[in-house]
Amino acid sequence: MSLGKRVKEERKKLGYTQIKLSEVSGITQQTLQKIEDGTTKNPRNIEALAKALQSAPEYLRFGISDNINNNVAPGPTIKATAPLISWVQAGAWSEISEIKAYDAERFMCPVNCSDLTFVLKVQGISMEPKFDEGDLIFVDPEAECIHGSYVVARLDDDNQATFKQLIIEGGHKFLKAANPNWPEQLIPINGNCTLVGKVIFTGKSL
């Protein structure tokens, strides 16, 4: 379910029209209409909207709920916000001083994360069906990458990062595609790759 559909669903649970919600939240009806029809996917006034809907920002954005039987659906406590960056920037994330993260759009991270955590939008189908194109992945460079972890890595012969599962067997490391139909299932790590960070949370595409 998209953010817009969750907003509409929560509004109807309260018996609100868009006009009523506009009055309660202080958000214009035109803005609410754009949110509900999916035109606006990352509203800046998400906090005010969540409060008016007696919900939580992370539920509206990600669909996270601790109790699906409640109209009020609080998600986990927001720990920090992380910048949405490009895959090319992710590949150079070890030189973080060169990345103007403060200029980037930021997303709330509902799990514990370090200050270096960043967000990427999944590209392509190599990680389907577990991750879909357009999903947001939160990547923490300080989280430990172990066997089975989903990681973002930089290949030395590429100018951008890649997203795969880390496989460690018999002392050897590989990057594995989740899509069983992907032509290059395993990429050996032989000193030709730097692990940029571990995926600690995924927000499904809207």
Protein backbone atom coordinates (compact mmCIF):
# COMPACT_ATOMS: atom_id res chain seq x y z
CA MET A 1 0.00 0.00 0.00
CA SER A 2 1.35 3.46 -0.88
CA LEU A 3 1.68 6.45 1.43
CA GLY A 4 -1.25 8.12 -0.31
CA LYS A 5 -3.49 5.11 0.20
CA ARG A 6 -2.54 4.86 3.88
CA VAL A 7 -3.37 8.55 4.38
CA LYS A 8 -6.74 8.10 2.66
CA GLU A 9 -7.48 4.96 4.68
CA GLU A 10 -6.63 6.63 8.00
CA ARG A 11 -8.68 9.69 7.04
CA LYS A 12 -11.73 7.54 6.31
CA LYS A 13 -11.31 5.64 9.59
CA LEU A 14 -11.77 8.97 11.37
CA GLY A 15 -14.71 9.86 9.16
CA TYR A 16 -12.90 12.91 7.82
CA THR A 17 -13.36 14.49 4.43
CA GLN A 18 -10.33 16.09 2.82
CA ILE A 19 -11.76 19.45 3.86
CA LYS A 20 -12.06 18.34 7.49
CA LEU A 21 -8.53 16.91 7.49
CA SER A 22 -7.29 20.16 5.99
CA GLU A 23 -8.87 22.08 8.88
CA VAL A 24 -7.44 19.74 11.54
CA SER A 25 -3.94 19.49 10.07
CA GLY A 26 -3.48 22.99 8.70
CA ILE A 27 -2.55 21.47 5.33
CA THR A 28 -4.36 22.75 2.24
CA GLN A 29 -6.90 20.47 0.58
CA GLN A 30 -4.98 20.76 -2.68
CA THR A 31 -1.85 19.45 -0.95
CA LEU A 32 -3.80 16.60 0.65
CA GLN A 33 -5.26 15.66 -2.71
CA LYS A 34 -1.76 15.44 -4.22
CA ILE A 35 -0.61 13.25 -1.32
CA GLU A 36 -3.55 10.88 -1.62
CA ASP A 37 -3.37 10.52 -5.41
CA GLY A 38 0.37 9.78 -5.22
CA THR A 39 1.62 12.98 -6.87
CA THR A 40 3.43 13.96 -3.67
CA LYS A 41 5.37 10.94 -2.38
CA ASN A 42 7.44 12.52 0.39
CA PRO A 43 5.43 15.34 1.99
CA ARG A 44 7.35 17.77 4.17
CA ASN A 45 4.39 18.15 6.53
CA ILE A 46 4.24 14.44 7.39
CA GLU A 47 4.45 15.15 11.15
CA ALA A 48 1.40 17.44 11.15
CA LEU A 49 -0.48 15.03 8.90
CA ALA A 50 0.26 12.07 11.16
CA LYS A 51 -0.84 14.00 14.25
CA ALA A 52 -4.12 15.00 12.61
CA LEU A 53 -4.74 11.36 11.61
CA GLN A 54 -3.86 10.13 15.14
CA SER A 55 -1.19 7.99 13.53
CA ALA A 56 2.61 7.96 13.31
CA PRO A 57 4.83 9.42 10.54
CA GLU A 58 6.67 6.16 10.06
CA TYR A 59 3.39 4.28 9.63
CA LEU A 60 2.20 6.69 6.93
CA ARG A 61 5.56 6.59 5.16
CA PHE A 62 6.55 2.93 5.52
CA GLY A 63 3.45 1.10 6.76
CA ILE A 64 5.23 0.08 9.97
CA SER A 65 2.82 -0.77 12.77
CA ASP A 66 3.27 -2.47 16.14
CA ASN A 67 -0.41 -3.30 16.46
CA ILE A 68 -2.45 -3.83 13.31
CA ASN A 69 -5.68 -3.92 15.31
CA ASN A 70 -5.40 -0.31 16.46
CA ASN A 71 -6.54 2.71 14.48
CA VAL A 72 -3.53 4.44 15.98
CA ALA A 73 -0.52 2.69 14.52
CA PRO A 74 2.72 3.75 16.20
CA GLY A 75 5.86 2.43 14.59
CA PRO A 76 9.30 2.03 16.16
CA THR A 77 10.90 5.13 17.62
CA ILE A 78 12.64 7.15 14.95
CA LYS A 79 16.36 7.02 15.68
CA ALA A 80 17.72 9.44 13.07
CA THR A 81 17.32 10.76 9.56
CA ALA A 82 19.52 9.72 6.66
CA PRO A 83 20.23 11.42 3.31
CA LEU A 84 19.03 9.98 0.01
CA ILE A 85 22.07 9.88 -2.27
CA SER A 86 22.92 8.54 -5.72
CA TRP A 87 24.62 5.22 -6.43
CA VAL A 88 27.67 7.11 -7.70
CA GLN A 89 27.86 9.02 -4.41
CA ALA A 90 27.48 5.75 -2.51
CA GLY A 91 30.49 4.39 -4.34
CA ALA A 92 32.55 7.28 -2.95
CA TRP A 93 30.98 7.24 0.51
CA SER A 94 34.30 6.40 2.18
CA GLU A 95 35.32 9.92 1.14
CA ILE A 96 32.25 11.27 2.95
CA SER A 97 33.72 14.78 3.23
CA GLU A 98 33.26 15.11 -0.53
CA ILE A 99 29.53 14.37 -0.34
CA LYS A 100 27.21 17.24 0.51
CA ALA A 101 24.81 15.07 2.49
CA TYR A 102 23.23 18.10 4.12
CA ASP A 103 21.84 19.14 0.73
CA ALA A 104 20.09 15.80 0.20
CA GLU A 105 16.50 14.81 0.86
CA ARG A 106 16.36 13.03 4.21
CA PHE A 107 14.30 10.05 5.37
CA MET A 108 13.48 8.90 8.88
CA CYS A 109 15.22 5.69 9.95
CA PRO A 110 13.15 3.65 12.46
CA VAL A 111 16.05 1.45 13.60
CA ASN A 112 19.31 2.17 15.40
CA CYS A 113 21.90 3.52 12.98
CA SER A 114 25.14 5.48 12.89
CA ASP A 115 25.53 9.08 11.79
CA LEU A 116 27.06 7.85 8.51
CA THR A 117 23.87 6.01 7.45
CA PHE A 118 22.52 6.91 4.02
CA VAL A 119 19.60 5.94 1.81
CA LEU A 120 19.60 4.54 -1.73
CA LYS A 121 16.74 3.88 -4.12
CA VAL A 122 16.98 0.35 -5.51
CA GLN A 123 17.68 0.21 -9.25
CA GLY A 124 17.07 -2.72 -11.57
CA ILE A 125 15.79 -6.22 -10.86
CA SER A 126 18.89 -8.11 -9.70
CA MET A 127 17.56 -8.27 -6.11
CA GLU A 128 13.96 -9.24 -6.88
CA PRO A 129 11.76 -10.65 -5.45
CA LYS A 130 13.06 -9.58 -2.02
CA PHE A 131 13.79 -6.01 -3.09
CA ASP A 132 11.88 -4.22 -5.83
CA GLU A 133 13.02 -1.38 -8.03
CA GLY A 134 12.21 1.88 -6.26
CA ASP A 135 12.50 0.48 -2.72
CA LEU A 136 14.50 2.59 -0.29
CA ILE A 137 17.36 0.85 1.49
CA PHE A 138 19.06 2.32 4.55
CA VAL A 139 22.79 1.55 4.53
CA ASP A 140 24.99 1.84 7.63
CA PRO A 141 28.77 1.84 6.96
CA GLU A 142 29.43 1.09 10.65
CA ALA A 143 27.21 -2.00 10.87
CA GLU A 144 29.04 -5.34 10.75
CA CYS A 145 28.78 -7.16 7.43
CA ILE A 146 28.52 -10.92 8.02
CA HIS A 147 27.55 -13.96 5.94
CA GLY A 148 24.03 -13.41 4.61
CA SER A 149 24.04 -9.65 5.08
CA TYR A 150 22.65 -7.48 2.30
CA VAL A 151 25.37 -5.00 1.49
CA VAL A 152 26.29 -2.10 -0.75
CA ALA A 153 29.74 -2.54 -2.27
CA ARG A 154 32.03 -0.64 -4.60
CA LEU A 155 33.81 -2.59 -7.32
CA ASP A 156 37.19 -1.11 -8.17
CA ASP A 157 36.49 -1.15 -11.91
CA ASP A 158 33.15 0.62 -11.60
CA ASN A 159 32.36 4.22 -10.72
CA GLN A 160 29.31 3.44 -8.64
CA ALA A 161 28.09 1.08 -5.95
CA THR A 162 26.23 -2.20 -6.31
CA PHE A 163 23.66 -3.91 -4.05
CA LYS A 164 24.01 -7.63 -3.35
CA GLN A 165 23.99 -10.29 -0.61
CA LEU A 166 27.32 -11.10 1.04
CA ILE A 167 28.19 -14.81 0.97
CA ILE A 168 31.18 -16.11 2.95
CA GLU A 169 32.10 -19.76 2.39
CA GLY A 170 35.39 -21.53 3.11
CA GLY A 171 37.17 -18.25 3.70
CA HIS A 172 36.03 -16.88 0.33
CA LYS A 173 33.66 -13.96 -0.13
CA PHE A 174 31.11 -13.40 -2.90
CA LEU A 175 28.41 -10.91 -3.82
CA LYS A 176 25.19 -12.75 -4.70
CA ALA A 177 22.15 -11.55 -6.65
CA ALA A 178 18.78 -12.39 -5.06
CA ASN A 179 17.08 -12.83 -8.44
CA PRO A 180 17.53 -16.51 -9.42
CA ASN A 181 17.27 -15.51 -13.09
CA TRP A 182 20.03 -12.92 -12.90
CA PRO A 183 22.85 -13.96 -15.28
CA GLU A 184 25.75 -13.14 -12.93
CA GLN A 185 24.72 -14.91 -9.72
CA LEU A 186 28.03 -14.70 -7.85
CA ILE A 187 30.75 -12.05 -8.03
CA PRO A 188 33.96 -13.18 -6.29
CA ILE A 189 35.54 -10.64 -3.93
CA ASN A 190 39.28 -10.87 -4.55
CA GLY A 191 40.57 -7.57 -3.29
CA ASN A 192 38.65 -5.89 -6.11
CA CYS A 193 35.78 -4.71 -3.94
CA THR A 194 35.13 -2.49 -0.94
CA LEU A 195 32.10 -3.09 1.29
CA VAL A 196 30.54 0.34 1.74
CA GLY A 197 27.92 -0.66 4.29
CA LYS A 198 25.21 -3.05 5.46
CA VAL A 199 21.51 -2.67 4.67
CA ILE A 200 19.78 -2.25 8.03
CA PHE A 201 16.25 -1.33 6.94
CA THR A 202 14.10 -1.32 3.81
CA GLY A 203 11.18 0.96 3.02
CA LYS A 204 8.99 -0.46 0.26
CA SER A 205 8.43 1.63 -2.84
CA LEU A 206 5.39 3.89 -2.86
